[in-house]
Structure formats: C-alpha cells, structure tokens
Amino acid sequence: MSDVRTERCQAMRPAILELIGLAPQLLGSRDILGRFTELANDLLKIHALGADGIEDPAYRAWINDGGRALRALRDAAAAGDRKAAFAAYGGQDGAMFPIGQGCSGTPGF
C-alpha cells in the first residue's frame, strides 16, 4: 500500500528545493519572480488534491488553511512585489513552514 502523504511530499520536494535556492535572490532580482510564481502554482496543484487518505495532523492543517500563505506568495510574485513575496515565503507564517511541518518525517524532509 502506498503512503499518500509521502508521495505528495516527494512530488513537492523539487519545487520546494528550487524555491529555497531562489529565495536569497528574491530581493535583488525581478528576473526570478516568474519562476517563483510557477513553483508556487506547482505546489498549489498538490495542495488542491486535498488530504483524503492522509491522517497526519500537520499535513491536514496545511490543507485546511486553504494554502493561504502559498497563494499570497504566488500572488505577490505574479504582481512583481518582491518584498511581499519574500515576506510570504519565510517564517512561521510563511508558505514554506506549514509544508515543512506537514511533510516532516518523510524522506528528504
């Protein structure tokens, strides 16, 4: 039997790693905003799959918050607002924290 949570976390991992690599450049370069938008959309596609078959409370919490921070990241990047995109990216209220919590303990997280 497959582990849905592990599969979803593994599917998100490439986009997350790329976002982590790009984040330090975010305040200095507008050139990466388009890529930030694409990566956030990739993560939102997995978010849209919901939490059926996943019991982990942290993953379910990420799904239940509606991807608020991830949408804020995407929308800020799409609007060209580097400061807002950076703010939406990091910290405990940022887009990456709930994903990390939800995937904690799966391979690569």
N, C-alpha and C. Protein backbone atom coordinates (compact mmCIF):
# COMPACT_ATOMS: atom_id res chain seq x y z
N MET A 1 0.84 -1.18 0.00
CA MET A 1 0.00 0.00 0.00
C MET A 1 0.89 1.24 0.00
N SER A 2 0.55 2.20 -0.83
CA SER A 2 1.35 3.41 -0.92
C SER A 2 0.97 4.39 0.19
N ASP A 3 1.90 5.22 0.54
CA ASP A 3 1.68 6.26 1.53
C ASP A 3 1.43 7.56 0.78
N VAL A 4 0.18 8.00 0.77
CA VAL A 4 -0.23 9.17 0.00
C VAL A 4 0.56 10.40 0.43
N ARG A 5 0.72 10.60 1.73
CA ARG A 5 1.45 11.76 2.24
C ARG A 5 2.89 11.77 1.72
N THR A 6 3.57 10.64 1.80
CA THR A 6 4.95 10.56 1.31
C THR A 6 5.01 10.85 -0.18
N GLU A 7 4.08 10.30 -0.94
CA GLU A 7 4.05 10.54 -2.38
C GLU A 7 3.86 12.03 -2.69
N ARG A 8 2.96 12.67 -1.98
CA ARG A 8 2.70 14.09 -2.22
C ARG A 8 3.89 14.94 -1.79
N CYS A 9 4.48 14.61 -0.66
CA CYS A 9 5.65 15.37 -0.20
C CYS A 9 6.81 15.21 -1.17
N GLN A 10 7.01 14.01 -1.67
CA GLN A 10 8.07 13.78 -2.65
C GLN A 10 7.79 14.54 -3.95
N ALA A 11 6.53 14.63 -4.32
CA ALA A 11 6.17 15.38 -5.53
C ALA A 11 6.44 16.88 -5.35
N MET A 12 6.31 17.39 -4.13
CA MET A 12 6.55 18.81 -3.86
C MET A 12 8.03 19.14 -3.69
N ARG A 13 8.82 18.15 -3.34
CA ARG A 13 10.21 18.38 -2.97
C ARG A 13 11.01 19.16 -4.02
N PRO A 14 10.96 18.82 -5.32
CA PRO A 14 11.76 19.60 -6.28
C PRO A 14 11.40 21.09 -6.29
N ALA A 15 10.11 21.41 -6.24
CA ALA A 15 9.70 22.81 -6.24
C ALA A 15 10.15 23.51 -4.96
N ILE A 16 10.04 22.82 -3.84
CA ILE A 16 10.47 23.40 -2.56
C ILE A 16 11.96 23.68 -2.57
N LEU A 17 12.74 22.71 -3.03
CA LEU A 17 14.19 22.91 -3.07
C LEU A 17 14.58 24.05 -4.00
N GLU A 18 13.89 24.17 -5.11
CA GLU A 18 14.19 25.28 -6.02
C GLU A 18 13.82 26.62 -5.39
N LEU A 19 12.66 26.67 -4.71
CA LEU A 19 12.27 27.91 -4.03
C LEU A 19 13.31 28.29 -2.97
N ILE A 20 13.79 27.31 -2.22
CA ILE A 20 14.80 27.58 -1.20
C ILE A 20 16.05 28.17 -1.84
N GLY A 21 16.45 27.61 -2.98
CA GLY A 21 17.63 28.11 -3.67
C GLY A 21 17.45 29.51 -4.24
N LEU A 22 16.24 29.84 -4.67
CA LEU A 22 15.97 31.14 -5.27
C LEU A 22 15.69 32.24 -4.25
N ALA A 23 15.22 31.87 -3.07
CA ALA A 23 14.78 32.85 -2.07
C ALA A 23 15.83 33.92 -1.76
N PRO A 24 17.12 33.57 -1.59
CA PRO A 24 18.09 34.63 -1.28
C PRO A 24 18.23 35.67 -2.39
N GLN A 25 17.87 35.31 -3.61
CA GLN A 25 17.97 36.23 -4.74
C GLN A 25 16.72 37.10 -4.90
N LEU A 26 15.67 36.76 -4.18
CA LEU A 26 14.37 37.37 -4.41
C LEU A 26 14.39 38.88 -4.26
N LEU A 27 15.04 39.40 -3.24
CA LEU A 27 15.03 40.84 -3.03
C LEU A 27 15.93 41.58 -4.00
N GLY A 28 16.84 40.87 -4.64
CA GLY A 28 17.78 41.54 -5.53
C GLY A 28 17.47 41.42 -7.01
N SER A 29 16.55 40.58 -7.40
CA SER A 29 16.34 40.34 -8.82
C SER A 29 14.86 40.11 -9.14
N ARG A 30 14.36 40.90 -10.06
CA ARG A 30 12.99 40.70 -10.55
C ARG A 30 12.91 39.49 -11.49
N ASP A 31 14.04 39.09 -12.01
CA ASP A 31 14.07 38.02 -13.01
C ASP A 31 13.52 36.70 -12.51
N ILE A 32 13.54 36.47 -11.22
CA ILE A 32 13.09 35.17 -10.70
C ILE A 32 11.62 35.15 -10.28
N LEU A 33 10.95 36.29 -10.35
CA LEU A 33 9.55 36.34 -9.90
C LEU A 33 8.66 35.41 -10.72
N GLY A 34 8.89 35.32 -12.01
CA GLY A 34 8.09 34.41 -12.84
C GLY A 34 8.28 32.97 -12.42
N ARG A 35 9.51 32.60 -12.10
CA ARG A 35 9.77 31.23 -11.67
C ARG A 35 9.15 30.98 -10.29
N PHE A 36 9.21 31.96 -9.41
CA PHE A 36 8.57 31.82 -8.10
C PHE A 36 7.07 31.57 -8.28
N THR A 37 6.45 32.30 -9.20
CA THR A 37 5.02 32.12 -9.47
C THR A 37 4.74 30.71 -9.96
N GLU A 38 5.54 30.23 -10.90
CA GLU A 38 5.36 28.87 -11.43
C GLU A 38 5.50 27.81 -10.34
N LEU A 39 6.52 27.96 -9.51
CA LEU A 39 6.75 26.96 -8.45
C LEU A 39 5.63 26.97 -7.43
N ALA A 40 5.15 28.16 -7.07
CA ALA A 40 4.02 28.24 -6.13
C ALA A 40 2.79 27.57 -6.74
N ASN A 41 2.57 27.76 -8.04
CA ASN A 41 1.44 27.10 -8.70
C ASN A 41 1.61 25.59 -8.69
N ASP A 42 2.84 25.11 -8.87
CA ASP A 42 3.09 23.66 -8.79
C ASP A 42 2.69 23.11 -7.43
N LEU A 43 3.04 23.83 -6.37
CA LEU A 43 2.70 23.39 -5.01
C LEU A 43 1.20 23.48 -4.77
N LEU A 44 0.57 24.51 -5.31
CA LEU A 44 -0.88 24.65 -5.14
C LEU A 44 -1.65 23.53 -5.84
N LYS A 45 -1.11 23.00 -6.92
CA LYS A 45 -1.75 21.86 -7.59
C LYS A 45 -1.78 20.65 -6.67
N ILE A 46 -0.72 20.45 -5.92
CA ILE A 46 -0.69 19.33 -4.97
C ILE A 46 -1.59 19.63 -3.79
N HIS A 47 -1.60 20.88 -3.35
CA HIS A 47 -2.50 21.30 -2.27
C HIS A 47 -3.95 21.01 -2.66
N ALA A 48 -4.29 21.25 -3.91
CA ALA A 48 -5.67 21.06 -4.37
C ALA A 48 -6.12 19.60 -4.33
N LEU A 49 -5.18 18.67 -4.22
CA LEU A 49 -5.54 17.25 -4.12
C LEU A 49 -6.17 16.92 -2.78
N GLY A 50 -6.03 17.81 -1.80
CA GLY A 50 -6.65 17.61 -0.51
C GLY A 50 -5.88 16.65 0.38
N ALA A 51 -6.56 16.17 1.41
CA ALA A 51 -5.92 15.32 2.41
C ALA A 51 -6.58 13.95 2.54
N ASP A 52 -7.40 13.57 1.58
CA ASP A 52 -8.01 12.23 1.64
C ASP A 52 -6.92 11.18 1.70
N GLY A 53 -7.06 10.26 2.62
CA GLY A 53 -6.08 9.18 2.78
C GLY A 53 -4.86 9.56 3.60
N ILE A 54 -4.85 10.79 4.13
CA ILE A 54 -3.71 11.26 4.93
C ILE A 54 -4.21 11.56 6.33
N GLU A 55 -3.60 10.93 7.31
CA GLU A 55 -4.02 11.12 8.69
C GLU A 55 -3.15 12.11 9.45
N ASP A 56 -1.96 12.42 8.95
CA ASP A 56 -1.04 13.30 9.66
C ASP A 56 -1.70 14.66 9.94
N PRO A 57 -1.79 15.05 11.23
CA PRO A 57 -2.48 16.30 11.56
C PRO A 57 -1.79 17.55 11.00
N ALA A 58 -0.49 17.56 10.90
CA ALA A 58 0.21 18.74 10.37
C ALA A 58 -0.05 18.89 8.87
N TYR A 59 -0.07 17.78 8.14
CA TYR A 59 -0.38 17.85 6.71
C TYR A 59 -1.82 18.31 6.52
N ARG A 60 -2.72 17.75 7.32
CA ARG A 60 -4.13 18.13 7.21
C ARG A 60 -4.32 19.60 7.56
N ALA A 61 -3.55 20.11 8.50
CA ALA A 61 -3.63 21.53 8.86
C ALA A 61 -3.22 22.40 7.68
N TRP A 62 -2.17 21.98 6.96
CA TRP A 62 -1.75 22.73 5.78
C TRP A 62 -2.87 22.74 4.73
N ILE A 63 -3.50 21.63 4.52
CA ILE A 63 -4.60 21.56 3.56
C ILE A 63 -5.77 22.42 4.05
N ASN A 64 -6.09 22.32 5.33
CA ASN A 64 -7.26 23.01 5.87
C ASN A 64 -7.12 24.52 5.90
N ASP A 65 -5.88 25.05 5.91
CA ASP A 65 -5.73 26.51 5.93
C ASP A 65 -5.97 27.10 4.55
N GLY A 66 -6.21 26.25 3.57
CA GLY A 66 -6.54 26.71 2.23
C GLY A 66 -5.35 27.18 1.43
N GLY A 67 -4.15 26.91 1.90
CA GLY A 67 -2.98 27.34 1.15
C GLY A 67 -2.81 28.85 1.15
N ARG A 68 -3.35 29.50 2.16
CA ARG A 68 -3.36 30.96 2.26
C ARG A 68 -1.99 31.58 2.00
N ALA A 69 -0.99 31.11 2.71
CA ALA A 69 0.35 31.70 2.57
C ALA A 69 0.95 31.39 1.20
N LEU A 70 0.67 30.22 0.69
CA LEU A 70 1.20 29.84 -0.62
C LEU A 70 0.56 30.69 -1.72
N ARG A 71 -0.73 30.96 -1.59
CA ARG A 71 -1.39 31.84 -2.56
C ARG A 71 -0.88 33.27 -2.43
N ALA A 72 -0.60 33.71 -1.21
CA ALA A 72 -0.04 35.05 -1.01
C ALA A 72 1.33 35.16 -1.68
N LEU A 73 2.13 34.11 -1.57
CA LEU A 73 3.45 34.08 -2.22
C LEU A 73 3.27 34.16 -3.74
N ARG A 74 2.42 33.31 -4.27
CA ARG A 74 2.18 33.30 -5.72
C ARG A 74 1.68 34.65 -6.21
N ASP A 75 0.70 35.21 -5.51
CA ASP A 75 0.09 36.46 -5.95
C ASP A 75 1.08 37.62 -5.89
N ALA A 76 1.89 37.66 -4.84
CA ALA A 76 2.89 38.73 -4.72
C ALA A 76 3.95 38.61 -5.81
N ALA A 77 4.40 37.39 -6.08
CA ALA A 77 5.40 37.19 -7.13
C ALA A 77 4.82 37.55 -8.49
N ALA A 78 3.58 37.14 -8.73
CA ALA A 78 2.93 37.44 -10.02
C ALA A 78 2.74 38.94 -10.21
N ALA A 79 2.53 39.66 -9.11
CA ALA A 79 2.34 41.12 -9.17
C ALA A 79 3.66 41.87 -9.24
N GLY A 80 4.78 41.15 -9.12
CA GLY A 80 6.08 41.79 -9.17
C GLY A 80 6.53 42.42 -7.86
N ASP A 81 5.86 42.07 -6.77
CA ASP A 81 6.17 42.65 -5.46
C ASP A 81 7.17 41.74 -4.73
N ARG A 82 8.45 42.03 -4.89
CA ARG A 82 9.49 41.18 -4.32
C ARG A 82 9.45 41.15 -2.80
N LYS A 83 9.20 42.31 -2.17
CA LYS A 83 9.16 42.34 -0.70
C LYS A 83 8.01 41.50 -0.15
N ALA A 84 6.86 41.63 -0.75
CA ALA A 84 5.70 40.86 -0.30
C ALA A 84 5.91 39.37 -0.56
N ALA A 85 6.52 39.03 -1.69
CA ALA A 85 6.79 37.62 -1.99
C ALA A 85 7.77 37.05 -0.97
N PHE A 86 8.80 37.81 -0.63
CA PHE A 86 9.77 37.34 0.35
C PHE A 86 9.11 37.16 1.72
N ALA A 87 8.26 38.12 2.10
CA ALA A 87 7.56 38.03 3.38
C ALA A 87 6.63 36.81 3.41
N ALA A 88 5.97 36.52 2.29
CA ALA A 88 5.05 35.38 2.23
C ALA A 88 5.80 34.06 2.18
N TYR A 89 7.05 34.08 1.80
CA TYR A 89 7.85 32.87 1.67
C TYR A 89 8.27 32.30 3.03
N GLY A 90 8.82 33.13 3.90
CA GLY A 90 9.52 32.61 5.07
C GLY A 90 8.80 32.82 6.39
N GLY A 91 9.43 32.29 7.42
CA GLY A 91 8.93 32.41 8.79
C GLY A 91 7.80 31.45 9.08
N GLN A 92 7.37 31.44 10.31
CA GLN A 92 6.32 30.51 10.72
C GLN A 92 4.97 30.82 10.09
N ASP A 93 4.79 32.04 9.63
CA ASP A 93 3.55 32.40 8.94
C ASP A 93 3.69 32.31 7.43
N GLY A 94 4.88 31.93 6.96
CA GLY A 94 5.14 31.89 5.53
C GLY A 94 4.67 30.61 4.87
N ALA A 95 4.83 30.57 3.57
CA ALA A 95 4.33 29.46 2.76
C ALA A 95 5.08 28.15 3.00
N MET A 96 6.35 28.23 3.32
CA MET A 96 7.14 27.01 3.42
C MET A 96 6.98 26.29 4.76
N PHE A 97 6.74 27.02 5.82
CA PHE A 97 6.68 26.42 7.15
C PHE A 97 5.60 25.33 7.27
N PRO A 98 4.34 25.61 6.88
CA PRO A 98 3.33 24.55 7.04
C PRO A 98 3.58 23.34 6.15
N ILE A 99 4.19 23.56 4.99
CA ILE A 99 4.52 22.41 4.13
C ILE A 99 5.59 21.56 4.82
N GLY A 100 6.60 22.23 5.36
CA GLY A 100 7.66 21.51 6.08
C GLY A 100 7.12 20.73 7.26
N GLN A 101 6.19 21.34 7.98
CA GLN A 101 5.58 20.65 9.12
C GLN A 101 4.77 19.44 8.64
N GLY A 102 4.02 19.63 7.58
CA GLY A 102 3.17 18.57 7.06
C GLY A 102 3.96 17.41 6.47
N CYS A 103 5.16 17.69 5.99
CA CYS A 103 5.98 16.65 5.37
C CYS A 103 7.08 16.13 6.30
N SER A 104 7.17 16.70 7.48
CA SER A 104 8.21 16.30 8.42
C SER A 104 8.18 14.79 8.66
N GLY A 105 9.36 14.19 8.55
CA GLY A 105 9.48 12.74 8.77
C GLY A 105 9.42 11.92 7.50
N THR A 106 8.99 12.54 6.40
CA THR A 106 9.02 11.81 5.13
C THR A 106 10.42 11.93 4.54
N PRO A 107 10.82 11.04 3.65
CA PRO A 107 12.16 11.11 3.09
C PRO A 107 12.48 12.47 2.48
N GLY A 108 13.61 13.03 2.86
CA GLY A 108 14.04 14.31 2.34
C GLY A 108 13.53 15.52 3.09
N PHE A 109 12.72 15.30 4.12
CA PHE A 109 12.20 16.43 4.90
C PHE A 109 12.62 16.32 6.35
